[in-house]
Amino acid sequence: EDRLELAREIRKATKPMVIAANKMDTPEAQENY
């Protein structure tokens, strides 16, 4: 679990991410958002 946590931290540092909540022009997406 230590190795996995370290891998996760390296991933977050080297490949940061933004979530594009797509298809937000639908009622279902707006509710989920």
PDB file of all heavy atoms in Angstrom:
ATOM      1  N   GLU A   1       0.827  -1.214   0.000  1.00  0.00           N
ATOM      2  CA  GLU A   1       0.000   0.000   0.000  1.00  0.00           C
ATOM      3  C   GLU A   1       0.861   1.264   0.000  1.00  0.00           C
ATOM      4  O   GLU A   1       0.456   2.311  -0.508  1.00  0.00           O
ATOM      5  CB  GLU A   1      -0.951   0.015   1.197  1.00  0.00           C
ATOM      6  CG  GLU A   1      -0.298  -0.111   2.554  1.00  0.00           C
ATOM      7  CD  GLU A   1      -0.181  -1.564   3.030  1.00  0.00           C
ATOM      8  OE1 GLU A   1      -0.158  -2.466   2.174  1.00  0.00           O
ATOM      9  OE2 GLU A   1      -0.128  -1.769   4.262  1.00  0.00           O
ATOM     10  N   ASP A   2       2.084   1.163   0.577  1.00  0.00           N
ATOM     11  CA  ASP A   2       3.001   2.307   0.534  1.00  0.00           C
ATOM     12  C   ASP A   2       3.429   2.592  -0.904  1.00  0.00           C
ATOM     13  O   ASP A   2       3.501   3.752  -1.338  1.00  0.00           O
ATOM     14  CB  ASP A   2       4.246   2.024   1.384  1.00  0.00           C
ATOM     15  CG  ASP A   2       3.926   1.860   2.864  1.00  0.00           C
ATOM     16  OD1 ASP A   2       2.938   2.465   3.318  1.00  0.00           O
ATOM     17  OD2 ASP A   2       4.660   1.134   3.548  1.00  0.00           O
ATOM     18  N   ARG A   3       3.731   1.543  -1.645  1.00  0.00           N
ATOM     19  CA  ARG A   3       4.178   1.702  -3.030  1.00  0.00           C
ATOM     20  C   ARG A   3       3.061   2.284  -3.894  1.00  0.00           C
ATOM     21  O   ARG A   3       3.312   3.144  -4.743  1.00  0.00           O
ATOM     22  CB  ARG A   3       4.638   0.350  -3.587  1.00  0.00           C
ATOM     23  CG  ARG A   3       5.806  -0.247  -2.808  1.00  0.00           C
ATOM     24  CD  ARG A   3       6.266  -1.559  -3.397  1.00  0.00           C
ATOM     25  NE  ARG A   3       7.372  -2.128  -2.632  1.00  0.00           N
ATOM     26  CZ  ARG A   3       8.257  -2.983  -3.097  1.00  0.00           C
ATOM     27  NH1 ARG A   3       8.170  -3.393  -4.364  1.00  0.00           N
ATOM     28  NH2 ARG A   3       9.221  -3.448  -2.344  1.00  0.00           N
ATOM     29  N   LEU A   4       1.838   1.820  -3.659  1.00  0.00           N
ATOM     30  CA  LEU A   4       0.714   2.345  -4.428  1.00  0.00           C
ATOM     31  C   LEU A   4       0.480   3.810  -4.101  1.00  0.00           C
ATOM     32  O   LEU A   4       0.218   4.626  -4.994  1.00  0.00           O
ATOM     33  CB  LEU A   4      -0.550   1.535  -4.138  1.00  0.00           C
ATOM     34  CG  LEU A   4      -1.824   2.013  -4.850  1.00  0.00           C
ATOM     35  CD1 LEU A   4      -1.630   2.010  -6.365  1.00  0.00           C
ATOM     36  CD2 LEU A   4      -3.021   1.138  -4.457  1.00  0.00           C
ATOM     37  N   GLU A   5       0.595   4.178  -2.813  1.00  0.00           N
ATOM     38  CA  GLU A   5       0.392   5.574  -2.436  1.00  0.00           C
ATOM     39  C   GLU A   5       1.469   6.464  -3.056  1.00  0.00           C
ATOM     40  O   GLU A   5       1.176   7.574  -3.520  1.00  0.00           O
ATOM     41  CB  GLU A   5       0.405   5.723  -0.912  1.00  0.00           C
ATOM     42  CG  GLU A   5       0.069   7.136  -0.448  1.00  0.00           C
ATOM     43  CD  GLU A   5       0.005   7.274   1.060  1.00  0.00           C
ATOM     44  OE1 GLU A   5       0.198   6.252   1.760  1.00  0.00           O
ATOM     45  OE2 GLU A   5      -0.223   8.403   1.531  1.00  0.00           O
ATOM     46  N   LEU A   6       2.715   5.965  -3.091  1.00  0.00           N
ATOM     47  CA  LEU A   6       3.785   6.736  -3.710  1.00  0.00           C
ATOM     48  C   LEU A   6       3.546   6.885  -5.210  1.00  0.00           C
ATOM     49  O   LEU A   6       3.724   7.965  -5.770  1.00  0.00           O
ATOM     50  CB  LEU A   6       5.141   6.076  -3.450  1.00  0.00           C
ATOM     51  CG  LEU A   6       6.352   6.762  -4.087  1.00  0.00           C
ATOM     52  CD1 LEU A   6       6.469   8.218  -3.620  1.00  0.00           C
ATOM     53  CD2 LEU A   6       7.637   5.986  -3.767  1.00  0.00           C
ATOM     54  N   ALA A   7       3.123   5.798  -5.856  1.00  0.00           N
ATOM     55  CA  ALA A   7       2.818   5.858  -7.289  1.00  0.00           C
ATOM     56  C   ALA A   7       1.724   6.890  -7.553  1.00  0.00           C
ATOM     57  O   ALA A   7       1.797   7.656  -8.530  1.00  0.00           O
ATOM     58  CB  ALA A   7       2.388   4.483  -7.788  1.00  0.00           C
ATOM     59  N   ARG A   8       0.725   6.931  -6.682  1.00  0.00           N
ATOM     60  CA  ARG A   8      -0.373   7.882  -6.841  1.00  0.00           C
ATOM     61  C   ARG A   8       0.134   9.322  -6.709  1.00  0.00           C
ATOM     62  O   ARG A   8      -0.262  10.200  -7.487  1.00  0.00           O
ATOM     63  CB  ARG A   8      -1.459   7.607  -5.813  1.00  0.00           C
ATOM     64  CG  ARG A   8      -2.675   8.518  -5.928  1.00  0.00           C
ATOM     65  CD  ARG A   8      -3.745   8.176  -4.907  1.00  0.00           C
ATOM     66  NE  ARG A   8      -4.233   6.821  -5.078  1.00  0.00           N
ATOM     67  CZ  ARG A   8      -4.044   5.830  -4.207  1.00  0.00           C
ATOM     68  NH1 ARG A   8      -3.365   6.052  -3.085  1.00  0.00           N
ATOM     69  NH2 ARG A   8      -4.518   4.625  -4.441  1.00  0.00           N
ATOM     70  N   GLU A   9       1.002   9.575  -5.749  1.00  0.00           N
ATOM     71  CA  GLU A   9       1.536  10.929  -5.560  1.00  0.00           C
ATOM     72  C   GLU A   9       2.395  11.357  -6.747  1.00  0.00           C
ATOM     73  O   GLU A   9       2.352  12.516  -7.164  1.00  0.00           O
ATOM     74  CB  GLU A   9       2.350  10.993  -4.263  1.00  0.00           C
ATOM     75  CG  GLU A   9       1.513  10.953  -2.998  1.00  0.00           C
ATOM     76  CD  GLU A   9       0.542  12.122  -2.897  1.00  0.00           C
ATOM     77  OE1 GLU A   9       0.942  13.260  -3.221  1.00  0.00           O
ATOM     78  OE2 GLU A   9      -0.615  11.903  -2.513  1.00  0.00           O
ATOM     79  N   ILE A  10       3.169  10.424  -7.293  1.00  0.00           N
ATOM     80  CA  ILE A  10       3.987  10.747  -8.467  1.00  0.00           C
ATOM     81  C   ILE A  10       3.082  11.063  -9.654  1.00  0.00           C
ATOM     82  O   ILE A  10       3.322  12.002 -10.411  1.00  0.00           O
ATOM     83  CB  ILE A  10       4.946   9.590  -8.800  1.00  0.00           C
ATOM     84  CG1 ILE A  10       5.913   9.341  -7.643  1.00  0.00           C
ATOM     85  CG2 ILE A  10       5.730   9.890 -10.081  1.00  0.00           C
ATOM     86  CD1 ILE A  10       6.778   8.095  -7.799  1.00  0.00           C
ATOM     87  N   ARG A  11       2.012  10.277  -9.806  1.00  0.00           N
ATOM     88  CA  ARG A  11       1.071  10.521 -10.901  1.00  0.00           C
ATOM     89  C   ARG A  11       0.425  11.895 -10.770  1.00  0.00           C
ATOM     90  O   ARG A  11       0.333  12.658 -11.739  1.00  0.00           O
ATOM     91  CB  ARG A  11       0.004   9.419 -10.913  1.00  0.00           C
ATOM     92  CG  ARG A  11      -0.953   9.477 -12.087  1.00  0.00           C
ATOM     93  CD  ARG A  11      -2.241  10.200 -11.766  1.00  0.00           C
ATOM     94  NE  ARG A  11      -2.971   9.580 -10.682  1.00  0.00           N
ATOM     95  CZ  ARG A  11      -4.026  10.130 -10.093  1.00  0.00           C
ATOM     96  NH1 ARG A  11      -4.461  11.325 -10.479  1.00  0.00           N
ATOM     97  NH2 ARG A  11      -4.650   9.516  -9.095  1.00  0.00           N
ATOM     98  N   LYS A  12      -0.009  12.242  -9.581  1.00  0.00           N
ATOM     99  CA  LYS A  12      -0.675  13.525  -9.378  1.00  0.00           C
ATOM    100  C   LYS A  12       0.284  14.691  -9.609  1.00  0.00           C
ATOM    101  O   LYS A  12      -0.117  15.746 -10.093  1.00  0.00           O
ATOM    102  CB  LYS A  12      -1.252  13.588  -7.963  1.00  0.00           C
ATOM    103  CG  LYS A  12      -2.463  12.669  -7.779  1.00  0.00           C
ATOM    104  CD  LYS A  12      -2.775  12.403  -6.319  1.00  0.00           C
ATOM    105  CE  LYS A  12      -3.168  13.622  -5.548  1.00  0.00           C
ATOM    106  NZ  LYS A  12      -3.523  13.296  -4.143  1.00  0.00           N
ATOM    107  N   ALA A  13       1.567  14.487  -9.294  1.00  0.00           N
ATOM    108  CA  ALA A  13       2.549  15.554  -9.472  1.00  0.00           C
ATOM    109  C   ALA A  13       2.958  15.722 -10.923  1.00  0.00           C
ATOM    110  O   ALA A  13       3.217  16.849 -11.381  1.00  0.00           O
ATOM    111  CB  ALA A  13       3.783  15.273  -8.614  1.00  0.00           C
ATOM    112  N   THR A  14       3.023  14.629 -11.667  1.00  0.00           N
ATOM    113  CA  THR A  14       3.546  14.695 -13.035  1.00  0.00           C
ATOM    114  C   THR A  14       2.461  14.722 -14.103  1.00  0.00           C
ATOM    115  O   THR A  14       2.728  15.096 -15.244  1.00  0.00           O
ATOM    116  CB  THR A  14       4.478  13.507 -13.322  1.00  0.00           C
ATOM    117  OG1 THR A  14       3.758  12.280 -13.138  1.00  0.00           O
ATOM    118  CG2 THR A  14       5.681  13.522 -12.379  1.00  0.00           C
ATOM    119  N   LYS A  15       1.254  14.310 -13.769  1.00  0.00           N
ATOM    120  CA  LYS A  15       0.140  14.353 -14.714  1.00  0.00           C
ATOM    121  C   LYS A  15      -1.099  14.906 -14.008  1.00  0.00           C
ATOM    122  O   LYS A  15      -2.080  14.190 -13.773  1.00  0.00           O
ATOM    123  CB  LYS A  15      -0.160  12.949 -15.281  1.00  0.00           C
ATOM    124  CG  LYS A  15       0.883  12.448 -16.271  1.00  0.00           C
ATOM    125  CD  LYS A  15       0.793  13.215 -17.584  1.00  0.00           C
ATOM    126  CE  LYS A  15       1.839  12.694 -18.570  1.00  0.00           C
ATOM    127  NZ  LYS A  15       3.198  13.184 -18.260  1.00  0.00           N
ATOM    128  N   PRO A  16      -1.066  16.195 -13.613  1.00  0.00           N
ATOM    129  CA  PRO A  16      -2.239  16.784 -12.952  1.00  0.00           C
ATOM    130  C   PRO A  16      -3.439  16.756 -13.887  1.00  0.00           C
ATOM    131  O   PRO A  16      -3.298  16.672 -15.108  1.00  0.00           O
ATOM    132  CB  PRO A  16      -1.788  18.210 -12.639  1.00  0.00           C
ATOM    133  CG  PRO A  16      -0.687  18.481 -13.608  1.00  0.00           C
ATOM    134  CD  PRO A  16       0.005  17.176 -13.840  1.00  0.00           C
ATOM    135  N   MET A  17      -4.634  16.842 -13.306  1.00  0.00           N
ATOM    136  CA  MET A  17      -5.845  16.576 -14.079  1.00  0.00           C
ATOM    137  C   MET A  17      -6.970  17.543 -13.744  1.00  0.00           C
ATOM    138  O   MET A  17      -7.146  17.954 -12.596  1.00  0.00           O
ATOM    139  CB  MET A  17      -6.296  15.133 -13.789  1.00  0.00           C
ATOM    140  CG  MET A  17      -7.427  14.623 -14.665  1.00  0.00           C
ATOM    141  SD  MET A  17      -7.944  12.948 -14.178  1.00  0.00           S
ATOM    142  CE  MET A  17      -6.388  12.056 -14.234  1.00  0.00           C
ATOM    143  N   VAL A  18      -7.734  17.886 -14.782  1.00  0.00           N
ATOM    144  CA  VAL A  18      -8.975  18.649 -14.652  1.00  0.00           C
ATOM    145  C   VAL A  18     -10.103  17.768 -15.168  1.00  0.00           C
ATOM    146  O   VAL A  18      -9.934  17.061 -16.164  1.00  0.00           O
ATOM    147  CB  VAL A  18      -8.914  19.946 -15.473  1.00  0.00           C
ATOM    148  CG1 VAL A  18     -10.264  20.641 -15.529  1.00  0.00           C
ATOM    149  CG2 VAL A  18      -7.859  20.897 -14.910  1.00  0.00           C
ATOM    150  N   ILE A  19     -11.251  17.783 -14.487  1.00  0.00           N
ATOM    151  CA  ILE A  19     -12.418  17.026 -14.934  1.00  0.00           C
ATOM    152  C   ILE A  19     -13.313  17.935 -15.765  1.00  0.00           C
ATOM    153  O   ILE A  19     -13.771  18.979 -15.286  1.00  0.00           O
ATOM    154  CB  ILE A  19     -13.221  16.469 -13.744  1.00  0.00           C
ATOM    155  CG1 ILE A  19     -12.332  15.643 -12.813  1.00  0.00           C
ATOM    156  CG2 ILE A  19     -14.407  15.630 -14.254  1.00  0.00           C
ATOM    157  CD1 ILE A  19     -11.753  14.406 -13.429  1.00  0.00           C
ATOM    158  N   ALA A  20     -13.538  17.558 -17.035  1.00  0.00           N
ATOM    159  CA  ALA A  20     -14.501  18.267 -17.879  1.00  0.00           C
ATOM    160  C   ALA A  20     -15.819  17.521 -17.804  1.00  0.00           C
ATOM    161  O   ALA A  20     -15.971  16.432 -18.366  1.00  0.00           O
ATOM    162  CB  ALA A  20     -14.002  18.340 -19.315  1.00  0.00           C
ATOM    163  N   ALA A  21     -16.767  18.082 -17.058  1.00  0.00           N
ATOM    164  CA  ALA A  21     -18.082  17.452 -16.885  1.00  0.00           C
ATOM    165  C   ALA A  21     -18.900  17.704 -18.140  1.00  0.00           C
ATOM    166  O   ALA A  21     -19.594  18.710 -18.255  1.00  0.00           O
ATOM    167  CB  ALA A  21     -18.774  18.010 -15.649  1.00  0.00           C
ATOM    168  N   ASN A  22     -18.809  16.773 -19.094  1.00  0.00           N
ATOM    169  CA  ASN A  22     -19.398  16.984 -20.413  1.00  0.00           C
ATOM    170  C   ASN A  22     -20.882  16.602 -20.443  1.00  0.00           C
ATOM    171  O   ASN A  22     -21.382  15.918 -19.556  1.00  0.00           O
ATOM    172  CB  ASN A  22     -18.627  16.173 -21.455  1.00  0.00           C
ATOM    173  CG  ASN A  22     -18.895  16.650 -22.866  1.00  0.00           C
ATOM    174  OD1 ASN A  22     -19.247  17.811 -23.092  1.00  0.00           O
ATOM    175  ND2 ASN A  22     -18.759  15.763 -23.835  1.00  0.00           N
ATOM    176  N   LYS A  23     -21.539  17.063 -21.495  1.00  0.00           N
ATOM    177  CA  LYS A  23     -22.970  16.846 -21.743  1.00  0.00           C
ATOM    178  C   LYS A  23     -23.838  17.481 -20.658  1.00  0.00           C
ATOM    179  O   LYS A  23     -24.895  16.959 -20.292  1.00  0.00           O
ATOM    180  CB  LYS A  23     -23.271  15.346 -21.881  1.00  0.00           C
ATOM    181  CG  LYS A  23     -22.432  14.660 -22.965  1.00  0.00           C
ATOM    182  CD  LYS A  23     -22.814  13.215 -23.181  1.00  0.00           C
ATOM    183  CE  LYS A  23     -21.904  12.561 -24.227  1.00  0.00           C
ATOM    184  NZ  LYS A  23     -22.248  11.144 -24.467  1.00  0.00           N
ATOM    185  N   MET A  24     -23.337  18.630 -20.170  1.00  0.00           N
ATOM    186  CA  MET A  24     -24.064  19.322 -19.110  1.00  0.00           C
ATOM    187  C   MET A  24     -25.320  20.026 -19.606  1.00  0.00           C
ATOM    188  O   MET A  24     -26.012  20.679 -18.836  1.00  0.00           O
ATOM    189  CB  MET A  24     -23.126  20.340 -18.440  1.00  0.00           C
ATOM    190  CG  MET A  24     -22.148  19.720 -17.461  1.00  0.00           C
ATOM    191  SD  MET A  24     -22.953  19.031 -16.005  1.00  0.00           S
ATOM    192  CE  MET A  24     -23.612  20.509 -15.296  1.00  0.00           C
ATOM    193  N   ASP A  25     -25.611  19.889 -20.898  1.00  0.00           N
ATOM    194  CA  ASP A  25     -26.856  20.448 -21.419  1.00  0.00           C
ATOM    195  C   ASP A  25     -28.004  19.461 -21.308  1.00  0.00           C
ATOM    196  O   ASP A  25     -29.050  19.632 -21.948  1.00  0.00           O
ATOM    197  CB  ASP A  25     -26.680  20.889 -22.878  1.00  0.00           C
ATOM    198  CG  ASP A  25     -25.939  19.858 -23.720  1.00  0.00           C
ATOM    199  OD1 ASP A  25     -25.572  18.795 -23.178  1.00  0.00           O
ATOM    200  OD2 ASP A  25     -25.721  20.121 -24.916  1.00  0.00           O
ATOM    201  N   THR A  26     -27.841  18.417 -20.470  1.00  0.00           N
ATOM    202  CA  THR A  26     -28.912  17.454 -20.213  1.00  0.00           C
ATOM    203  C   THR A  26     -29.306  17.509 -18.739  1.00  0.00           C
ATOM    204  O   THR A  26     -28.456  17.748 -17.875  1.00  0.00           O
ATOM    205  CB  THR A  26     -28.468  16.020 -20.565  1.00  0.00           C
ATOM    206  OG1 THR A  26     -27.401  15.626 -19.690  1.00  0.00           O
ATOM    207  CG2 THR A  26     -27.991  15.942 -22.008  1.00  0.00           C
ATOM    208  N   PRO A  27     -30.575  17.292 -18.416  1.00  0.00           N
ATOM    209  CA  PRO A  27     -31.012  17.334 -17.008  1.00  0.00           C
ATOM    210  C   PRO A  27     -30.292  16.311 -16.145  1.00  0.00           C
ATOM    211  O   PRO A  27     -29.977  16.583 -14.977  1.00  0.00           O
ATOM    212  CB  PRO A  27     -32.518  17.030 -17.098  1.00  0.00           C
ATOM    213  CG  PRO A  27     -32.899  17.368 -18.501  1.00  0.00           C
ATOM    214  CD  PRO A  27     -31.698  17.072 -19.344  1.00  0.00           C
ATOM    215  N   GLU A  28     -30.027  15.125 -16.697  1.00  0.00           N
ATOM    216  CA  GLU A  28     -29.352  14.080 -15.925  1.00  0.00           C
ATOM    217  C   GLU A  28     -27.951  14.520 -15.512  1.00  0.00           C
ATOM    218  O   GLU A  28     -27.518  14.295 -14.376  1.00  0.00           O
ATOM    219  CB  GLU A  28     -29.272  12.781 -16.738  1.00  0.00           C
ATOM    220  CG  GLU A  28     -30.613  12.148 -17.078  1.00  0.00           C
ATOM    221  CD  GLU A  28     -31.275  12.767 -18.292  1.00  0.00           C
ATOM    222  OE1 GLU A  28     -30.666  13.672 -18.924  1.00  0.00           O
ATOM    223  OE2 GLU A  28     -32.414  12.379 -18.607  1.00  0.00           O
ATOM    224  N   ALA A  29     -27.242  15.161 -16.440  1.00  0.00           N
ATOM    225  CA  ALA A  29     -25.888  15.620 -16.136  1.00  0.00           C
ATOM    226  C   ALA A  29     -25.911  16.722 -15.079  1.00  0.00           C
ATOM    227  O   ALA A  29     -25.060  16.747 -14.173  1.00  0.00           O
ATOM    228  CB  ALA A  29     -25.209  16.128 -17.408  1.00  0.00           C
ATOM    229  N   GLN A  30     -26.873  17.608 -15.175  1.00  0.00           N
ATOM    230  CA  GLN A  30     -26.959  18.695 -14.203  1.00  0.00           C
ATOM    231  C   GLN A  30     -27.251  18.159 -12.812  1.00  0.00           C
ATOM    232  O   GLN A  30     -26.692  18.637 -11.811  1.00  0.00           O
ATOM    233  CB  GLN A  30     -28.040  19.683 -14.650  1.00  0.00           C
ATOM    234  CG  GLN A  30     -27.687  20.416 -15.937  1.00  0.00           C
ATOM    235  CD  GLN A  30     -28.862  21.116 -16.588  1.00  0.00           C
ATOM    236  OE1 GLN A  30     -29.915  21.271 -15.974  1.00  0.00           O
ATOM    237  NE2 GLN A  30     -28.699  21.550 -17.839  1.00  0.00           N
ATOM    238  N   GLU A  31     -28.084  17.138 -12.728  1.00  0.00           N
ATOM    239  CA  GLU A  31     -28.381  16.530 -11.428  1.00  0.00           C
ATOM    240  C   GLU A  31     -27.137  15.844 -10.861  1.00  0.00           C
ATOM    241  O   GLU A  31     -26.829  15.984  -9.668  1.00  0.00           O
ATOM    242  CB  GLU A  31     -29.525  15.518 -11.593  1.00  0.00           C
ATOM    243  CG  GLU A  31     -29.969  14.875 -10.298  1.00  0.00           C
ATOM    244  CD  GLU A  31     -31.147  13.922 -10.486  1.00  0.00           C
ATOM    245  OE1 GLU A  31     -31.846  14.040 -11.520  1.00  0.00           O
ATOM    246  OE2 GLU A  31     -31.359  13.060  -9.608  1.00  0.00           O
ATOM    247  N   ASN A  32     -26.420  15.113 -11.718  1.00  0.00           N
ATOM    248  CA  ASN A  32     -25.193  14.450 -11.264  1.00  0.00           C
ATOM    249  C   ASN A  32     -24.143  15.463 -10.834  1.00  0.00           C
ATOM    250  O   ASN A  32     -23.437  15.275  -9.838  1.00  0.00           O
ATOM    251  CB  ASN A  32     -24.628  13.561 -12.373  1.00  0.00           C
ATOM    252  CG  ASN A  32     -25.422  12.278 -12.549  1.00  0.00           C
ATOM    253  OD1 ASN A  32     -25.969  11.742 -11.594  1.00  0.00           O
ATOM    254  ND2 ASN A  32     -25.483  11.784 -13.780  1.00  0.00           N
ATOM    255  N   TYR A  33     -24.030  16.551 -11.584  1.00  0.00           N
ATOM    256  CA  TYR A  33     -23.045  17.588 -11.273  1.00  0.00           C
ATOM    257  C   TYR A  33     -23.323  18.200  -9.900  1.00  0.00           C
ATOM    258  O   TYR A  33     -22.408  18.356  -9.074  1.00  0.00           O
ATOM    259  CB  TYR A  33     -23.076  18.664 -12.348  1.00  0.00           C
ATOM    260  CG  TYR A  33     -22.153  19.839 -12.091  1.00  0.00           C
ATOM    261  CD1 TYR A  33     -20.802  19.765 -12.393  1.00  0.00           C
ATOM    262  CD2 TYR A  33     -22.657  21.034 -11.553  1.00  0.00           C
ATOM    263  CE1 TYR A  33     -19.954  20.836 -12.153  1.00  0.00           C
ATOM    264  CE2 TYR A  33     -21.815  22.111 -11.317  1.00  0.00           C
ATOM    265  CZ  TYR A  33     -20.470  22.013 -11.616  1.00  0.00           C
ATOM    266  OH  TYR A  33     -19.645  23.081 -11.373  1.00  0.00           O
TER     267      TYR A  33
END
